[in-house]
Amino acid sequence: MTRTIIFYENHFIEFYVLQDKKVKSKIQYVFDLIKQVDRVPEKILKHLTSTNGLYEVRVEVGSDIYRIFCCFDEGKLVVLFNGFQKKTQKTPKGELEKAMNLMNEYFEQKK
């Protein structure tokens, strides 16, 4: 099974270009896993239960933690939204709301 990863607008790319080489290569590695592995471990791709279909891609580099919000479309397509570096245990509310809005926009535009 293979999944395709696409970007919705430039939110993820704007985050990605700011990262250093180590972080970029770990993000690439995680994306390759998501594309190829049937059952992606929750440690890497977690469904956010209160969000109607929003997932977070989890990337750890050393002690730094990064999150990239995404959703599935048509089963095999992973749509990436915004990414950020996590500084605390809780996901910043603003980032989560931004991802929810982007996901809603994405599906509205598809209609």
PDB file of N, CA and C in Angstrom:
ATOM      1  N   MET A   1       0.850  -1.195   0.000  1.00  0.00           N
ATOM      2  CA  MET A   1       0.000   0.000   0.000  1.00  0.00           C
ATOM      3  C   MET A   1       0.888   1.247   0.000  1.00  0.00           C
ATOM      4  N   THR A   2       0.551   2.171  -0.848  1.00  0.00           N
ATOM      5  CA  THR A   2       1.297   3.428  -0.803  1.00  0.00           C
ATOM      6  C   THR A   2       0.331   4.584  -0.648  1.00  0.00           C
ATOM      7  N   ARG A   3       0.766   5.569   0.104  1.00  0.00           N
ATOM      8  CA  ARG A   3      -0.019   6.793   0.269  1.00  0.00           C
ATOM      9  C   ARG A   3       0.709   7.905  -0.461  1.00  0.00           C
ATOM     10  N   THR A   4      -0.026   8.902  -0.859  1.00  0.00           N
ATOM     11  CA  THR A   4       0.560  10.079  -1.485  1.00  0.00           C
ATOM     12  C   THR A   4       0.447  11.215  -0.486  1.00  0.00           C
ATOM     13  N   ILE A   5       1.490  12.002  -0.368  1.00  0.00           N
ATOM     14  CA  ILE A   5       1.453  13.153   0.528  1.00  0.00           C
ATOM     15  C   ILE A   5       1.399  14.417  -0.320  1.00  0.00           C
ATOM     16  N   ILE A   6       0.423  15.255  -0.024  1.00  0.00           N
ATOM     17  CA  ILE A   6       0.334  16.547  -0.723  1.00  0.00           C
ATOM     18  C   ILE A   6       0.305  17.664   0.322  1.00  0.00           C
ATOM     19  N   PHE A   7       0.610  18.863  -0.126  1.00  0.00           N
ATOM     20  CA  PHE A   7       0.587  20.019   0.761  1.00  0.00           C
ATOM     21  C   PHE A   7      -0.625  20.860   0.412  1.00  0.00           C
ATOM     22  N   TYR A   8      -1.329  21.314   1.437  1.00  0.00           N
ATOM     23  CA  TYR A   8      -2.415  22.258   1.195  1.00  0.00           C
ATOM     24  C   TYR A   8      -1.835  23.650   1.408  1.00  0.00           C
ATOM     25  N   GLU A   9      -1.855  24.462   0.368  1.00  0.00           N
ATOM     26  CA  GLU A   9      -1.259  25.792   0.373  1.00  0.00           C
ATOM     27  C   GLU A   9       0.214  25.692   0.785  1.00  0.00           C
ATOM     28  N   ASN A  10       0.777  26.758   1.397  1.00  0.00           N
ATOM     29  CA  ASN A  10       2.212  26.741   1.696  1.00  0.00           C
ATOM     30  C   ASN A  10       2.558  26.646   3.168  1.00  0.00           C
ATOM     31  N   HIS A  11       1.574  26.363   4.008  1.00  0.00           N
ATOM     32  CA  HIS A  11       1.806  26.410   5.454  1.00  0.00           C
ATOM     33  C   HIS A  11       2.910  25.456   5.893  1.00  0.00           C
ATOM     34  N   PHE A  12       2.850  24.217   5.420  1.00  0.00           N
ATOM     35  CA  PHE A  12       3.882  23.259   5.823  1.00  0.00           C
ATOM     36  C   PHE A  12       5.243  23.650   5.254  1.00  0.00           C
ATOM     37  N   ILE A  13       5.269  24.045   3.994  1.00  0.00           N
ATOM     38  CA  ILE A  13       6.546  24.372   3.338  1.00  0.00           C
ATOM     39  C   ILE A  13       7.219  25.548   4.041  1.00  0.00           C
ATOM     40  N   GLU A  14       6.425  26.537   4.456  1.00  0.00           N
ATOM     41  CA  GLU A  14       6.987  27.683   5.186  1.00  0.00           C
ATOM     42  C   GLU A  14       7.649  27.228   6.488  1.00  0.00           C
ATOM     43  N   PHE A  15       7.037  26.258   7.154  1.00  0.00           N
ATOM     44  CA  PHE A  15       7.618  25.701   8.382  1.00  0.00           C
ATOM     45  C   PHE A  15       8.885  24.890   8.052  1.00  0.00           C
ATOM     46  N   TYR A  16       8.792  24.068   7.020  1.00  0.00           N
ATOM     47  CA  TYR A  16       9.876  23.143   6.656  1.00  0.00           C
ATOM     48  C   TYR A  16      11.176  23.870   6.297  1.00  0.00           C
ATOM     49  N   VAL A  17      11.078  24.927   5.515  1.00  0.00           N
ATOM     50  CA  VAL A  17      12.298  25.618   5.062  1.00  0.00           C
ATOM     51  C   VAL A  17      13.065  26.255   6.220  1.00  0.00           C
ATOM     52  N   LEU A  18      12.398  26.503   7.337  1.00  0.00           N
ATOM     53  CA  LEU A  18      13.065  27.105   8.498  1.00  0.00           C
ATOM     54  C   LEU A  18      13.843  26.086   9.343  1.00  0.00           C
ATOM     55  N   GLN A  19      13.645  24.799   9.069  1.00  0.00           N
ATOM     56  CA  GLN A  19      14.268  23.767   9.895  1.00  0.00           C
ATOM     57  C   GLN A  19      15.694  23.474   9.443  1.00  0.00           C
ATOM     58  N   ASP A  20      16.509  22.952  10.381  1.00  0.00           N
ATOM     59  CA  ASP A  20      17.875  22.595   9.987  1.00  0.00           C
ATOM     60  C   ASP A  20      17.894  21.227   9.300  1.00  0.00           C
ATOM     61  N   LYS A  21      19.074  20.867   8.810  1.00  0.00           N
ATOM     62  CA  LYS A  21      19.228  19.663   7.994  1.00  0.00           C
ATOM     63  C   LYS A  21      18.789  18.389   8.721  1.00  0.00           C
ATOM     64  N   LYS A  22      19.132  18.285   9.991  1.00  0.00           N
ATOM     65  CA  LYS A  22      18.768  17.110  10.792  1.00  0.00           C
ATOM     66  C   LYS A  22      17.255  16.938  10.872  1.00  0.00           C
ATOM     67  N   VAL A  23      16.572  18.044  11.146  1.00  0.00           N
ATOM     68  CA  VAL A  23      15.114  18.017  11.289  1.00  0.00           C
ATOM     69  C   VAL A  23      14.476  17.666   9.945  1.00  0.00           C
ATOM     70  N   LYS A  24      14.960  18.292   8.871  1.00  0.00           N
ATOM     71  CA  LYS A  24      14.417  18.006   7.535  1.00  0.00           C
ATOM     72  C   LYS A  24      14.573  16.537   7.191  1.00  0.00           C
ATOM     73  N   SER A  25      15.726  15.965   7.493  1.00  0.00           N
ATOM     74  CA  SER A  25      15.934  14.567   7.104  1.00  0.00           C
ATOM     75  C   SER A  25      15.055  13.634   7.949  1.00  0.00           C
ATOM     76  N   LYS A  26      14.814  13.988   9.208  1.00  0.00           N
ATOM     77  CA  LYS A  26      13.923  13.171  10.039  1.00  0.00           C
ATOM     78  C   LYS A  26      12.484  13.280   9.536  1.00  0.00           C
ATOM     79  N   ILE A  27      12.076  14.495   9.133  1.00  0.00           N
ATOM     80  CA  ILE A  27      10.724  14.682   8.575  1.00  0.00           C
ATOM     81  C   ILE A  27      10.578  13.826   7.311  1.00  0.00           C
ATOM     82  N   GLN A  28      11.594  13.843   6.456  1.00  0.00           N
ATOM     83  CA  GLN A  28      11.590  13.033   5.229  1.00  0.00           C
ATOM     84  C   GLN A  28      11.433  11.551   5.554  1.00  0.00           C
ATOM     85  N   TYR A  29      12.192  11.098   6.543  1.00  0.00           N
ATOM     86  CA  TYR A  29      12.151   9.697   6.976  1.00  0.00           C
ATOM     87  C   TYR A  29      10.738   9.323   7.436  1.00  0.00           C
ATOM     88  N   VAL A  30      10.150  10.187   8.258  1.00  0.00           N
ATOM     89  CA  VAL A  30       8.795   9.932   8.771  1.00  0.00           C
ATOM     90  C   VAL A  30       7.784   9.900   7.624  1.00  0.00           C
ATOM     91  N   PHE A  31       7.922  10.832   6.661  1.00  0.00           N
ATOM     92  CA  PHE A  31       7.017  10.835   5.512  1.00  0.00           C
ATOM     93  C   PHE A  31       7.154   9.549   4.706  1.00  0.00           C
ATOM     94  N   ASP A  32       8.380   9.072   4.520  1.00  0.00           N
ATOM     95  CA  ASP A  32       8.583   7.820   3.790  1.00  0.00           C
ATOM     96  C   ASP A  32       7.871   6.667   4.490  1.00  0.00           C
ATOM     97  N   LEU A  33       7.955   6.634   5.811  1.00  0.00           N
ATOM     98  CA  LEU A  33       7.242   5.603   6.579  1.00  0.00           C
ATOM     99  C   LEU A  33       5.739   5.691   6.345  1.00  0.00           C
ATOM    100  N   ILE A  34       5.204   6.912   6.453  1.00  0.00           N
ATOM    101  CA  ILE A  34       3.763   7.105   6.283  1.00  0.00           C
ATOM    102  C   ILE A  34       3.328   6.660   4.885  1.00  0.00           C
ATOM    103  N   LYS A  35       4.168   6.924   3.886  1.00  0.00           N
ATOM    104  CA  LYS A  35       3.828   6.542   2.515  1.00  0.00           C
ATOM    105  C   LYS A  35       3.796   5.031   2.334  1.00  0.00           C
ATOM    106  N   GLN A  36       4.664   4.308   3.050  1.00  0.00           N
ATOM    107  CA  GLN A  36       4.862   2.898   2.739  1.00  0.00           C
ATOM    108  C   GLN A  36       4.285   1.892   3.728  1.00  0.00           C
ATOM    109  N   VAL A  37       4.177   2.255   5.000  1.00  0.00           N
ATOM    110  CA  VAL A  37       3.773   1.282   6.016  1.00  0.00           C
ATOM    111  C   VAL A  37       2.246   1.226   6.113  1.00  0.00           C
ATOM    112  N   ASP A  38       1.697   0.005   6.104  1.00  0.00           N
ATOM    113  CA  ASP A  38       0.244  -0.161   6.198  1.00  0.00           C
ATOM    114  C   ASP A  38      -0.321   0.456   7.470  1.00  0.00           C
ATOM    115  N   ARG A  39       0.213   0.022   8.590  1.00  0.00           N
ATOM    116  CA  ARG A  39      -0.266   0.520   9.878  1.00  0.00           C
ATOM    117  C   ARG A  39       0.834   1.359  10.514  1.00  0.00           C
ATOM    118  N   VAL A  40       0.722   2.659  10.360  1.00  0.00           N
ATOM    119  CA  VAL A  40       1.740   3.567  10.896  1.00  0.00           C
ATOM    120  C   VAL A  40       1.569   3.626  12.420  1.00  0.00           C
ATOM    121  N   PRO A  41       2.656   3.411  13.178  1.00  0.00           N
ATOM    122  CA  PRO A  41       2.536   3.442  14.643  1.00  0.00           C
ATOM    123  C   PRO A  41       2.031   4.806  15.143  1.00  0.00           C
ATOM    124  N   GLU A  42       1.256   4.759  16.231  1.00  0.00           N
ATOM    125  CA  GLU A  42       0.686   5.989  16.787  1.00  0.00           C
ATOM    126  C   GLU A  42       1.780   6.934  17.273  1.00  0.00           C
ATOM    127  N   LYS A  43       2.933   6.399  17.562  1.00  0.00           N
ATOM    128  CA  LYS A  43       4.080   7.220  17.983  1.00  0.00           C
ATOM    129  C   LYS A  43       4.458   8.205  16.853  1.00  0.00           C
ATOM    130  N   ILE A  44       4.110   7.844  15.619  1.00  0.00           N
ATOM    131  CA  ILE A  44       4.475   8.659  14.454  1.00  0.00           C
ATOM    132  C   ILE A  44       3.280   9.411  13.876  1.00  0.00           C
ATOM    133  N   LEU A  45       2.124   8.768  13.844  1.00  0.00           N
ATOM    134  CA  LEU A  45       0.927   9.394  13.263  1.00  0.00           C
ATOM    135  C   LEU A  45      -0.242   9.133  14.192  1.00  0.00           C
ATOM    136  N   LYS A  46      -0.728  10.193  14.828  1.00  0.00           N
ATOM    137  CA  LYS A  46      -1.767  10.010  15.836  1.00  0.00           C
ATOM    138  C   LYS A  46      -3.033  10.755  15.445  1.00  0.00           C
ATOM    139  N   HIS A  47      -4.161  10.053  15.570  1.00  0.00           N
ATOM    140  CA  HIS A  47      -5.459  10.683  15.318  1.00  0.00           C
ATOM    141  C   HIS A  47      -5.816  11.526  16.533  1.00  0.00           C
ATOM    142  N   LEU A  48      -6.198  12.770  16.287  1.00  0.00           N
ATOM    143  CA  LEU A  48      -6.610  13.652  17.386  1.00  0.00           C
ATOM    144  C   LEU A  48      -8.105  13.500  17.569  1.00  0.00           C
ATOM    145  N   THR A  49      -8.510  12.865  18.634  1.00  0.00           N
ATOM    146  CA  THR A  49      -9.888  12.403  18.780  1.00  0.00           C
ATOM    147  C   THR A  49     -10.944  13.494  18.728  1.00  0.00           C
ATOM    148  N   SER A  50     -10.645  14.685  19.226  1.00  0.00           N
ATOM    149  CA  SER A  50     -11.704  15.697  19.294  1.00  0.00           C
ATOM    150  C   SER A  50     -11.782  16.550  18.029  1.00  0.00           C
ATOM    151  N   THR A  51     -11.210  16.084  16.915  1.00  0.00           N
ATOM    152  CA  THR A  51     -11.036  16.998  15.787  1.00  0.00           C
ATOM    153  C   THR A  51     -11.681  16.597  14.467  1.00  0.00           C
ATOM    154  N   ASN A  52     -12.498  15.555  14.439  1.00  0.00           N
ATOM    155  CA  ASN A  52     -13.143  15.178  13.168  1.00  0.00           C
ATOM    156  C   ASN A  52     -12.176  14.868  12.042  1.00  0.00           C
ATOM    157  N   GLY A  53     -11.204  13.992  12.282  1.00  0.00           N
ATOM    158  CA  GLY A  53     -10.370  13.560  11.162  1.00  0.00           C
ATOM    159  C   GLY A  53      -9.006  14.197  11.072  1.00  0.00           C
ATOM    160  N   LEU A  54      -8.652  15.039  12.014  1.00  0.00           N
ATOM    161  CA  LEU A  54      -7.323  15.637  11.993  1.00  0.00           C
ATOM    162  C   LEU A  54      -6.326  14.693  12.666  1.00  0.00           C
ATOM    163  N   TYR A  55      -5.143  14.597  12.076  1.00  0.00           N
ATOM    164  CA  TYR A  55      -4.063  13.770  12.630  1.00  0.00           C
ATOM    165  C   TYR A  55      -2.859  14.659  12.879  1.00  0.00           C
ATOM    166  N   GLU A  56      -1.942  14.170  13.721  1.00  0.00           N
ATOM    167  CA  GLU A  56      -0.673  14.877  13.837  1.00  0.00           C
ATOM    168  C   GLU A  56       0.455  13.910  13.530  1.00  0.00           C
ATOM    169  N   VAL A  57       1.374  14.374  12.686  1.00  0.00           N
ATOM    170  CA  VAL A  57       2.599  13.639  12.404  1.00  0.00           C
ATOM    171  C   VAL A  57       3.560  14.065  13.500  1.00  0.00           C
ATOM    172  N   ARG A  58       4.183  13.064  14.154  1.00  0.00           N
ATOM    173  CA  ARG A  58       5.064  13.358  15.283  1.00  0.00           C
ATOM    174  C   ARG A  58       6.503  13.094  14.883  1.00  0.00           C
ATOM    175  N   VAL A  59       7.320  14.123  15.023  1.00  0.00           N
ATOM    176  CA  VAL A  59       8.731  14.014  14.651  1.00  0.00           C
ATOM    177  C   VAL A  59       9.558  14.430  15.859  1.00  0.00           C
ATOM    178  N   GLU A  60      10.487  13.558  16.247  1.00  0.00           N
ATOM    179  CA  GLU A  60      11.380  13.902  17.348  1.00  0.00           C
ATOM    180  C   GLU A  60      12.809  13.883  16.850  1.00  0.00           C
ATOM    181  N   VAL A  61      13.552  14.937  17.182  1.00  0.00           N
ATOM    182  CA  VAL A  61      14.971  15.024  16.837  1.00  0.00           C
ATOM    183  C   VAL A  61      15.676  15.403  18.133  1.00  0.00           C
ATOM    184  N   GLY A  62      16.401  14.456  18.711  1.00  0.00           N
ATOM    185  CA  GLY A  62      17.008  14.702  20.015  1.00  0.00           C
ATOM    186  C   GLY A  62      15.909  14.972  21.016  1.00  0.00           C
ATOM    187  N   SER A  63      16.010  16.092  21.713  1.00  0.00           N
ATOM    188  CA  SER A  63      14.965  16.422  22.692  1.00  0.00           C
ATOM    189  C   SER A  63      13.925  17.373  22.104  1.00  0.00           C
ATOM    190  N   ASP A  64      14.060  17.701  20.828  1.00  0.00           N
ATOM    191  CA  ASP A  64      13.100  18.594  20.180  1.00  0.00           C
ATOM    192  C   ASP A  64      11.943  17.805  19.585  1.00  0.00           C
ATOM    193  N   ILE A  65      10.762  18.345  19.744  1.00  0.00           N
ATOM    194  CA  ILE A  65       9.550  17.679  19.263  1.00  0.00           C
ATOM    195  C   ILE A  65       8.853  18.594  18.261  1.00  0.00           C
ATOM    196  N   TYR A  66       8.483  18.011  17.127  1.00  0.00           N
ATOM    197  CA  TYR A  66       7.801  18.765  16.070  1.00  0.00           C
ATOM    198  C   TYR A  66       6.485  18.075  15.766  1.00  0.00           C
ATOM    199  N   ARG A  67       5.494  18.866  15.371  1.00  0.00           N
ATOM    200  CA  ARG A  67       4.193  18.329  14.984  1.00  0.00           C
ATOM    201  C   ARG A  67       3.796  18.931  13.647  1.00  0.00           C
ATOM    202  N   ILE A  68       3.184  18.077  12.819  1.00  0.00           N
ATOM    203  CA  ILE A  68       2.664  18.537  11.530  1.00  0.00           C
ATOM    204  C   ILE A  68       1.232  18.012  11.451  1.00  0.00           C
ATOM    205  N   PHE A  69       0.290  18.911  11.309  1.00  0.00           N
ATOM    206  CA  PHE A  69      -1.111  18.487  11.221  1.00  0.00           C
ATOM    207  C   PHE A  69      -1.435  18.039   9.809  1.00  0.00           C
ATOM    208  N   CYS A  70      -2.303  17.030   9.717  1.00  0.00           N
ATOM    209  CA  CYS A  70      -2.692  16.507   8.407  1.00  0.00           C
ATOM    210  C   CYS A  70      -4.029  15.790   8.523  1.00  0.00           C
ATOM    211  N   CYS A  71      -4.539  15.372   7.379  1.00  0.00           N
ATOM    212  CA  CYS A  71      -5.733  14.526   7.370  1.00  0.00           C
ATOM    213  C   CYS A  71      -5.630  13.586   6.178  1.00  0.00           C
ATOM    214  N   PHE A  72      -6.499  12.615   6.149  1.00  0.00           N
ATOM    215  CA  PHE A  72      -6.561  11.700   5.013  1.00  0.00           C
ATOM    216  C   PHE A  72      -7.676  12.139   4.087  1.00  0.00           C
ATOM    217  N   ASP A  73      -7.464  11.908   2.809  1.00  0.00           N
ATOM    218  CA  ASP A  73      -8.497  12.197   1.829  1.00  0.00           C
ATOM    219  C   ASP A  73      -8.493  11.027   0.855  1.00  0.00           C
ATOM    220  N   GLU A  74      -9.660  10.515   0.553  1.00  0.00           N
ATOM    221  CA  GLU A  74      -9.786   9.378  -0.371  1.00  0.00           C
ATOM    222  C   GLU A  74      -8.925   8.201   0.089  1.00  0.00           C
ATOM    223  N   GLY A  75      -8.792   8.040   1.402  1.00  0.00           N
ATOM    224  CA  GLY A  75      -8.119   6.868   1.945  1.00  0.00           C
ATOM    225  C   GLY A  75      -6.606   6.877   1.868  1.00  0.00           C
ATOM    226  N   LYS A  76      -6.058   7.208   0.710  1.00  0.00           N
ATOM    227  CA  LYS A  76      -4.621   7.044   0.530  1.00  0.00           C
ATOM    228  C   LYS A  76      -3.857   8.354   0.392  1.00  0.00           C
ATOM    229  N   LEU A  77      -4.573   9.457   0.446  1.00  0.00           N
ATOM    230  CA  LEU A  77      -3.930  10.745   0.242  1.00  0.00           C
ATOM    231  C   LEU A  77      -3.782  11.437   1.596  1.00  0.00           C
ATOM    232  N   VAL A  78      -2.574  11.823   1.935  1.00  0.00           N
ATOM    233  CA  VAL A  78      -2.350  12.538   3.188  1.00  0.00           C
ATOM    234  C   VAL A  78      -2.147  14.006   2.848  1.00  0.00           C
ATOM    235  N   VAL A  79      -2.983  14.856   3.416  1.00  0.00           N
ATOM    236  CA  VAL A  79      -2.920  16.284   3.130  1.00  0.00           C
ATOM    237  C   VAL A  79      -2.268  16.981   4.323  1.00  0.00           C
ATOM    238  N   LEU A  80      -1.135  17.642   4.076  1.00  0.00           N
ATOM    239  CA  LEU A  80      -0.418  18.316   5.154  1.00  0.00           C
ATOM    240  C   LEU A  80      -0.881  19.752   5.304  1.00  0.00           C
ATOM    241  N   PHE A  81      -1.009  20.169   6.547  1.00  0.00           N
ATOM    242  CA  PHE A  81      -1.371  21.551   6.845  1.00  0.00           C
ATOM    243  C   PHE A  81      -0.177  22.234   7.511  1.00  0.00           C
ATOM    244  N   ASN A  82      -0.354  22.769   8.695  1.00  0.00           N
ATOM    245  CA  ASN A  82       0.724  23.520   9.358  1.00  0.00           C
ATOM    246  C   ASN A  82       1.611  22.627  10.226  1.00  0.00           C
ATOM    247  N   GLY A  83       2.829  23.087  10.455  1.00  0.00           N
ATOM    248  CA  GLY A  83       3.759  22.400  11.339  1.00  0.00           C
ATOM    249  C   GLY A  83       4.316  23.387  12.341  1.00  0.00           C
ATOM    250  N   PHE A  84       4.807  22.877  13.474  1.00  0.00           N
ATOM    251  CA  PHE A  84       5.389  23.753  14.491  1.00  0.00           C
ATOM    252  C   PHE A  84       6.283  22.934  15.411  1.00  0.00           C
ATOM    253  N   GLN A  85       7.142  23.631  16.148  1.00  0.00           N
ATOM    254  CA  GLN A  85       7.950  22.961  17.156  1.00  0.00           C
ATOM    255  C   GLN A  85       7.202  23.039  18.469  1.00  0.00           C
ATOM    256  N   LYS A  86       7.096  21.896  19.122  1.00  0.00           N
ATOM    257  CA  LYS A  86       6.338  21.820  20.367  1.00  0.00           C
ATOM    258  C   LYS A  86       7.248  22.175  21.535  1.00  0.00           C
ATOM    259  N   LYS A  87       6.845  23.142  22.323  1.00  0.00           N
ATOM    260  CA  LYS A  87       7.679  23.605  23.444  1.00  0.00           C
ATOM    261  C   LYS A  87       7.140  23.133  24.795  1.00  0.00           C
ATOM    262  N   THR A  88       5.871  22.732  24.830  1.00  0.00           N
ATOM    263  CA  THR A  88       5.261  22.303  26.095  1.00  0.00           C
ATOM    264  C   THR A  88       4.500  21.005  25.846  1.00  0.00           C
ATOM    265  N   GLN A  89       3.961  20.424  26.911  1.00  0.00           N
ATOM    266  CA  GLN A  89       3.173  19.189  26.786  1.00  0.00           C
ATOM    267  C   GLN A  89       1.923  19.399  25.936  1.00  0.00           C
ATOM    268  N   LYS A  90       1.290  20.540  26.113  1.00  0.00           N
ATOM    269  CA  LYS A  90       0.036  20.794  25.401  1.00  0.00           C
ATOM    270  C   LYS A  90       0.289  21.340  24.000  1.00  0.00           C
ATOM    271  N   THR A  91      -0.535  20.916  23.060  1.00  0.00           N
ATOM    272  CA  THR A  91      -0.479  21.461  21.707  1.00  0.00           C
ATOM    273  C   THR A  91      -1.050  22.874  21.755  1.00  0.00           C
ATOM    274  N   PRO A  92      -0.326  23.852  21.202  1.00  0.00           N
ATOM    275  CA  PRO A  92      -0.851  25.232  21.227  1.00  0.00           C
ATOM    276  C   PRO A  92      -2.218  25.320  20.547  1.00  0.00           C
ATOM    277  N   LYS A  93      -3.162  25.924  21.251  1.00  0.00           N
ATOM    278  CA  LYS A  93      -4.538  26.018  20.762  1.00  0.00           C
ATOM    279  C   LYS A  93      -4.606  26.702  19.400  1.00  0.00           C
ATOM    280  N   GLY A  94      -3.801  27.754  19.216  1.00  0.00           N
ATOM    281  CA  GLY A  94      -3.806  28.493  17.954  1.00  0.00           C
ATOM    282  C   GLY A  94      -3.406  27.619  16.774  1.00  0.00           C
ATOM    283  N   GLU A  95      -2.402  26.755  16.979  1.00  0.00           N
ATOM    284  CA  GLU A  95      -1.943  25.857  15.910  1.00  0.00           C
ATOM    285  C   GLU A  95      -3.033  24.840  15.570  1.00  0.00           C
ATOM    286  N   LEU A  96      -3.683  24.327  16.597  1.00  0.00           N
ATOM    287  CA  LEU A  96      -4.748  23.341  16.397  1.00  0.00           C
ATOM    288  C   LEU A  96      -5.923  23.974  15.654  1.00  0.00           C
ATOM    289  N   GLU A  97      -6.309  25.176  16.067  1.00  0.00           N
ATOM    290  CA  GLU A  97      -7.422  25.869  15.394  1.00  0.00           C
ATOM    291  C   GLU A  97      -7.070  26.177  13.943  1.00  0.00           C
ATOM    292  N   LYS A  98      -5.838  26.583  13.706  1.00  0.00           N
ATOM    293  CA  LYS A  98      -5.385  26.871  12.344  1.00  0.00           C
ATOM    294  C   LYS A  98      -5.517  25.607  11.485  1.00  0.00           C
ATOM    295  N   ALA A  99      -5.074  24.469  12.028  1.00  0.00           N
ATOM    296  CA  ALA A  99      -5.152  23.206  11.288  1.00  0.00           C
ATOM    297  C   ALA A  99      -6.604  22.823  10.994  1.00  0.00           C
ATOM    298  N   MET A 100      -7.472  22.995  11.972  1.00  0.00           N
ATOM    299  CA  MET A 100      -8.896  22.673  11.772  1.00  0.00           C
ATOM    300  C   MET A 100      -9.484  23.549  10.657  1.00  0.00           C
ATOM    301  N   ASN A 101      -9.154  24.844  10.695  1.00  0.00           N
ATOM    302  CA  ASN A 101      -9.655  25.761   9.665  1.00  0.00           C
ATOM    303  C   ASN A 101      -9.131  25.386   8.286  1.00  0.00           C
ATOM    304  N   LEU A 102      -7.842  25.033   8.220  1.00  0.00           N
ATOM    305  CA  LEU A 102      -7.248  24.648   6.936  1.00  0.00           C
ATOM    306  C   LEU A 102      -7.905  23.377   6.396  1.00  0.00           C
ATOM    307  N   MET A 103      -8.148  22.408   7.287  1.00  0.00           N
ATOM    308  CA  MET A 103      -8.784  21.163   6.853  1.00  0.00           C
ATOM    309  C   MET A 103     -10.195  21.457   6.321  1.00  0.00           C
ATOM    310  N   ASN A 104     -10.939  22.285   7.032  1.00  0.00           N
ATOM    311  CA  ASN A 104     -12.296  22.628   6.576  1.00  0.00           C
ATOM    312  C   ASN A 104     -12.260  23.338   5.231  1.00  0.00           C
ATOM    313  N   GLU A 105     -11.323  24.282   5.066  1.00  0.00           N
ATOM    314  CA  GLU A 105     -11.151  24.983   3.787  1.00  0.00           C
ATOM    315  C   GLU A 105     -10.844  24.005   2.661  1.00  0.00           C
ATOM    316  N   TYR A 106      -9.924  23.089   2.952  1.00  0.00           N
ATOM    317  CA  TYR A 106      -9.503  22.111   1.937  1.00  0.00           C
ATOM    318  C   TYR A 106     -10.707  21.331   1.416  1.00  0.00           C
ATOM    319  N   PHE A 107     -11.528  20.823   2.322  1.00  0.00           N
ATOM    320  CA  PHE A 107     -12.677  20.019   1.884  1.00  0.00           C
ATOM    321  C   PHE A 107     -13.763  20.877   1.251  1.00  0.00           C
ATOM    322  N   GLU A 108     -13.896  22.128   1.684  1.00  0.00           N
ATOM    323  CA  GLU A 108     -14.846  23.047   1.042  1.00  0.00           C
ATOM    324  C   GLU A 108     -14.454  23.273  -0.404  1.00  0.00           C
ATOM    325  N   GLN A 109     -13.158  23.522  -0.640  1.00  0.00           N
ATOM    326  CA  GLN A 109     -12.678  23.799  -1.992  1.00  0.00           C
ATOM    327  C   GLN A 109     -12.837  22.603  -2.921  1.00  0.00           C
ATOM    328  N   LYS A 110     -12.821  21.408  -2.349  1.00  0.00           N
ATOM    329  CA  LYS A 110     -12.933  20.193  -3.173  1.00  0.00           C
ATOM    330  C   LYS A 110     -14.339  19.974  -3.703  1.00  0.00           C
ATOM    331  N   LYS A 111     -15.323  20.556  -3.043  1.00  0.00           N
ATOM    332  CA  LYS A 111     -16.734  20.313  -3.437  1.00  0.00           C
ATOM    333  C   LYS A 111     -17.026  20.822  -4.834  1.00  0.00           C
TER     334      LYS A 111
END
